Amino acid sequence: MQLNSGERSILAYFPSSTKARRAIEELKAAGYETISLDRVSRFGVEDNAEVNYAIAGRAETITGLTLFSAGTDSLSNSESRVLKAADPSVSGMAAHDYGTAGGRAFLVTVVTSEDRVRGAVDILEKHGAQV
């Protein structure tokens, strides 16, 4: 994405998707329009509801649910799935902030005009972001 003259991008990292989504809701209510939420992972990210959706009983692999790892269906790539399943974060017993640099795996990006940067940063930090 190329920013236009006078635009600024803000990168904010969150420890949970819940906090990130709350910040996004408040940003939208405040009139910010260009906002995205991404998951940062060591394994590539693909949140595929057809393959990994626990609530609907479609959780094919634990690595897809816990690591948001791409290509983790149960029919392919079994060698890498075994190694991913051995990652301490899959068991739920991982140390705090394990596995992601800075311990904040959710990235919210906001694009806005220079005069609205401070307001967006205040909202993001209010919800626990590292900006």
C-alpha atoms as a PDB file:
ATOM      1  CA  MET A   1       0.000   0.000   0.000  1.00  0.00           C
ATOM      2  CA  GLN A   2       1.327   3.401  -0.931  1.00  0.00           C
ATOM      3  CA  LEU A   3       0.361   6.248   1.378  1.00  0.00           C
ATOM      4  CA  ASN A   4      -0.859   9.495  -0.106  1.00  0.00           C
ATOM      5  CA  SER A   5       0.751  12.797   0.777  1.00  0.00           C
ATOM      6  CA  GLY A   6      -0.251  13.801   4.305  1.00  0.00           C
ATOM      7  CA  GLU A   7      -1.238  10.268   5.347  1.00  0.00           C
ATOM      8  CA  ARG A   8       0.435   8.324   8.130  1.00  0.00           C
ATOM      9  CA  SER A   9       0.291   4.673   9.065  1.00  0.00           C
ATOM     10  CA  ILE A  10       0.165   3.532  12.665  1.00  0.00           C
ATOM     11  CA  LEU A  11       1.276   0.018  13.620  1.00  0.00           C
ATOM     12  CA  ALA A  12      -0.072  -1.198  16.955  1.00  0.00           C
ATOM     13  CA  TYR A  13       0.669  -4.604  18.481  1.00  0.00           C
ATOM     14  CA  PHE A  14      -1.749  -6.332  20.870  1.00  0.00           C
ATOM     15  CA  PRO A  15      -1.388  -9.403  23.099  1.00  0.00           C
ATOM     16  CA  SER A  16      -4.916 -10.634  22.262  1.00  0.00           C
ATOM     17  CA  SER A  17      -7.392 -10.421  19.428  1.00  0.00           C
ATOM     18  CA  THR A  18     -10.097  -9.340  21.883  1.00  0.00           C
ATOM     19  CA  LYS A  19      -8.207  -6.194  22.859  1.00  0.00           C
ATOM     20  CA  ALA A  20      -7.362  -5.491  19.227  1.00  0.00           C
ATOM     21  CA  ARG A  21     -11.002  -5.819  18.138  1.00  0.00           C
ATOM     22  CA  ARG A  22     -12.191  -3.530  20.936  1.00  0.00           C
ATOM     23  CA  ALA A  23      -9.705  -0.901  19.810  1.00  0.00           C
ATOM     24  CA  ILE A  24     -10.875  -1.286  16.205  1.00  0.00           C
ATOM     25  CA  GLU A  25     -14.501  -0.816  17.241  1.00  0.00           C
ATOM     26  CA  GLU A  26     -13.636   2.411  19.061  1.00  0.00           C
ATOM     27  CA  LEU A  27     -11.521   3.640  16.143  1.00  0.00           C
ATOM     28  CA  LYS A  28     -14.410   3.050  13.739  1.00  0.00           C
ATOM     29  CA  ALA A  29     -16.812   4.835  16.095  1.00  0.00           C
ATOM     30  CA  ALA A  30     -14.380   7.775  16.127  1.00  0.00           C
ATOM     31  CA  GLY A  31     -14.481   7.958  12.323  1.00  0.00           C
ATOM     32  CA  TYR A  32     -11.284   6.138  11.339  1.00  0.00           C
ATOM     33  CA  GLU A  33     -11.916   4.132   8.172  1.00  0.00           C
ATOM     34  CA  THR A  34      -8.721   2.429   6.987  1.00  0.00           C
ATOM     35  CA  ILE A  35      -8.026  -0.188   9.645  1.00  0.00           C
ATOM     36  CA  SER A  36      -6.806  -3.777   9.401  1.00  0.00           C
ATOM     37  CA  LEU A  37      -6.168  -6.590  11.877  1.00  0.00           C
ATOM     38  CA  ASP A  38      -3.539  -9.245  11.165  1.00  0.00           C
ATOM     39  CA  ARG A  39      -2.074 -12.145  13.114  1.00  0.00           C
ATOM     40  CA  VAL A  40       1.732 -12.353  13.230  1.00  0.00           C
ATOM     41  CA  SER A  41       3.004 -15.954  13.353  1.00  0.00           C
ATOM     42  CA  ARG A  42       6.244 -17.840  12.929  1.00  0.00           C
ATOM     43  CA  PHE A  43       4.403 -20.392  10.820  1.00  0.00           C
ATOM     44  CA  GLY A  44       2.500 -18.323   8.286  1.00  0.00           C
ATOM     45  CA  VAL A  45      -1.087 -17.392   9.003  1.00  0.00           C
ATOM     46  CA  GLU A  46      -4.290 -18.731   7.561  1.00  0.00           C
ATOM     47  CA  ASP A  47      -7.436 -18.549   9.659  1.00  0.00           C
ATOM     48  CA  ASN A  48      -9.501 -20.988   7.627  1.00  0.00           C
ATOM     49  CA  ALA A  49     -13.009 -21.444   9.070  1.00  0.00           C
ATOM     50  CA  GLU A  50     -13.640 -24.446   6.803  1.00  0.00           C
ATOM     51  CA  VAL A  51     -10.712 -26.347   8.303  1.00  0.00           C
ATOM     52  CA  ASN A  52     -10.202 -24.846  11.783  1.00  0.00           C
ATOM     53  CA  TYR A  53     -13.398 -23.671  13.420  1.00  0.00           C
ATOM     54  CA  ALA A  54     -13.700 -25.217  16.882  1.00  0.00           C
ATOM     55  CA  ILE A  55     -17.113 -23.763  17.762  1.00  0.00           C
ATOM     56  CA  ALA A  56     -18.730 -25.533  14.801  1.00  0.00           C
ATOM     57  CA  GLY A  57     -16.876 -28.760  15.559  1.00  0.00           C
ATOM     58  CA  ARG A  58     -14.624 -28.460  12.525  1.00  0.00           C
ATOM     59  CA  ALA A  59     -11.263 -28.399  14.271  1.00  0.00           C
ATOM     60  CA  GLU A  60      -9.189 -30.785  12.190  1.00  0.00           C
ATOM     61  CA  THR A  61      -5.856 -30.036  13.850  1.00  0.00           C
ATOM     62  CA  ILE A  62      -4.720 -28.503  17.101  1.00  0.00           C
ATOM     63  CA  THR A  63      -1.940 -26.598  15.366  1.00  0.00           C
ATOM     64  CA  GLY A  64      -4.421 -24.820  13.128  1.00  0.00           C
ATOM     65  CA  LEU A  65      -6.383 -23.668  16.154  1.00  0.00           C
ATOM     66  CA  THR A  66      -3.515 -22.687  18.419  1.00  0.00           C
ATOM     67  CA  LEU A  67      -0.816 -21.521  16.019  1.00  0.00           C
ATOM     68  CA  PHE A  68      -3.092 -20.224  13.251  1.00  0.00           C
ATOM     69  CA  SER A  69      -0.677 -22.077  11.004  1.00  0.00           C
ATOM     70  CA  ALA A  70      -1.320 -22.136   7.306  1.00  0.00           C
ATOM     71  CA  GLY A  71      -2.046 -25.394   5.509  1.00  0.00           C
ATOM     72  CA  THR A  72      -2.738 -27.517   8.573  1.00  0.00           C
ATOM     73  CA  ASP A  73      -5.535 -29.723   7.340  1.00  0.00           C
ATOM     74  CA  SER A  74      -5.322 -33.362   8.482  1.00  0.00           C
ATOM     75  CA  LEU A  75      -4.858 -34.760   4.970  1.00  0.00           C
ATOM     76  CA  SER A  76      -1.597 -33.120   3.992  1.00  0.00           C
ATOM     77  CA  ASN A  77       1.806 -32.086   5.278  1.00  0.00           C
ATOM     78  CA  SER A  78       1.826 -34.510   8.221  1.00  0.00           C
ATOM     79  CA  GLU A  79       5.574 -34.130   8.897  1.00  0.00           C
ATOM     80  CA  SER A  80       5.376 -30.414   9.596  1.00  0.00           C
ATOM     81  CA  ARG A  81       2.140 -30.852  11.590  1.00  0.00           C
ATOM     82  CA  VAL A  82       3.933 -33.231  13.978  1.00  0.00           C
ATOM     83  CA  LEU A  83       6.709 -30.713  14.545  1.00  0.00           C
ATOM     84  CA  LYS A  84       4.254 -27.859  15.030  1.00  0.00           C
ATOM     85  CA  ALA A  85       2.267 -29.938  17.520  1.00  0.00           C
ATOM     86  CA  ALA A  86       5.441 -30.336  19.574  1.00  0.00           C
ATOM     87  CA  ASP A  87       5.669 -26.561  20.024  1.00  0.00           C
ATOM     88  CA  PRO A  88       5.135 -25.675  23.722  1.00  0.00           C
ATOM     89  CA  SER A  89       2.455 -23.126  22.870  1.00  0.00           C
ATOM     90  CA  VAL A  90       0.144 -25.854  21.509  1.00  0.00           C
ATOM     91  CA  SER A  91      -0.254 -27.545  24.898  1.00  0.00           C
ATOM     92  CA  GLY A  92      -1.367 -24.377  26.631  1.00  0.00           C
ATOM     93  CA  MET A  93       1.546 -24.724  29.045  1.00  0.00           C
ATOM     94  CA  ALA A  94       3.799 -22.226  27.297  1.00  0.00           C
ATOM     95  CA  ALA A  95       5.522 -19.457  29.162  1.00  0.00           C
ATOM     96  CA  HIS A  96       3.958 -16.007  29.054  1.00  0.00           C
ATOM     97  CA  ASP A  97       4.798 -14.223  25.799  1.00  0.00           C
ATOM     98  CA  TYR A  98       6.270 -17.398  24.304  1.00  0.00           C
ATOM     99  CA  GLY A  99       6.911 -17.645  20.598  1.00  0.00           C
ATOM    100  CA  THR A 100       6.305 -14.202  19.142  1.00  0.00           C
ATOM    101  CA  ALA A 101       8.857 -11.429  19.280  1.00  0.00           C
ATOM    102  CA  GLY A 102       7.533  -8.940  21.805  1.00  0.00           C
ATOM    103  CA  GLY A 103       4.750 -11.328  22.844  1.00  0.00           C
ATOM    104  CA  ARG A 104       2.155  -9.441  20.836  1.00  0.00           C
ATOM    105  CA  ALA A 105       0.838 -11.466  17.930  1.00  0.00           C
ATOM    106  CA  PHE A 106      -2.004  -9.196  16.770  1.00  0.00           C
ATOM    107  CA  LEU A 107      -1.195  -6.223  14.550  1.00  0.00           C
ATOM    108  CA  VAL A 108      -3.646  -3.390  13.996  1.00  0.00           C
ATOM    109  CA  THR A 109      -2.740  -0.994  11.191  1.00  0.00           C
ATOM    110  CA  VAL A 110      -4.459   2.375  10.902  1.00  0.00           C
ATOM    111  CA  VAL A 111      -4.012   4.808   8.028  1.00  0.00           C
ATOM    112  CA  THR A 112      -5.093   8.354   8.735  1.00  0.00           C
ATOM    113  CA  SER A 113      -4.225  11.990   8.153  1.00  0.00           C
ATOM    114  CA  GLU A 114      -1.412  13.591  10.133  1.00  0.00           C
ATOM    115  CA  ASP A 115      -3.786  15.665  12.246  1.00  0.00           C
ATOM    116  CA  ARG A 116      -5.652  12.543  13.486  1.00  0.00           C
ATOM    117  CA  VAL A 117      -2.631  10.401  14.431  1.00  0.00           C
ATOM    118  CA  ARG A 118      -2.568  11.408  18.109  1.00  0.00           C
ATOM    119  CA  GLY A 119      -6.251  10.535  18.577  1.00  0.00           C
ATOM    120  CA  ALA A 120      -5.789   7.087  17.043  1.00  0.00           C
ATOM    121  CA  VAL A 121      -2.682   6.387  19.123  1.00  0.00           C
ATOM    122  CA  ASP A 122      -4.544   7.378  22.291  1.00  0.00           C
ATOM    123  CA  ILE A 123      -7.352   4.941  21.496  1.00  0.00           C
ATOM    124  CA  LEU A 124      -4.930   2.138  20.657  1.00  0.00           C
ATOM    125  CA  GLU A 125      -2.875   2.624  23.827  1.00  0.00           C
ATOM    126  CA  LYS A 126      -6.047   2.814  25.932  1.00  0.00           C
ATOM    127  CA  HIS A 127      -6.769  -0.750  24.802  1.00  0.00           C
ATOM    128  CA  GLY A 128      -3.279  -2.039  25.619  1.00  0.00           C
ATOM    129  CA  ALA A 129      -1.432  -1.613  22.341  1.00  0.00           C
ATOM    130  CA  GLN A 130       2.265  -1.178  21.943  1.00  0.00           C
ATOM    131  CA  VAL A 131       2.530   1.539  19.280  1.00  0.00           C
END
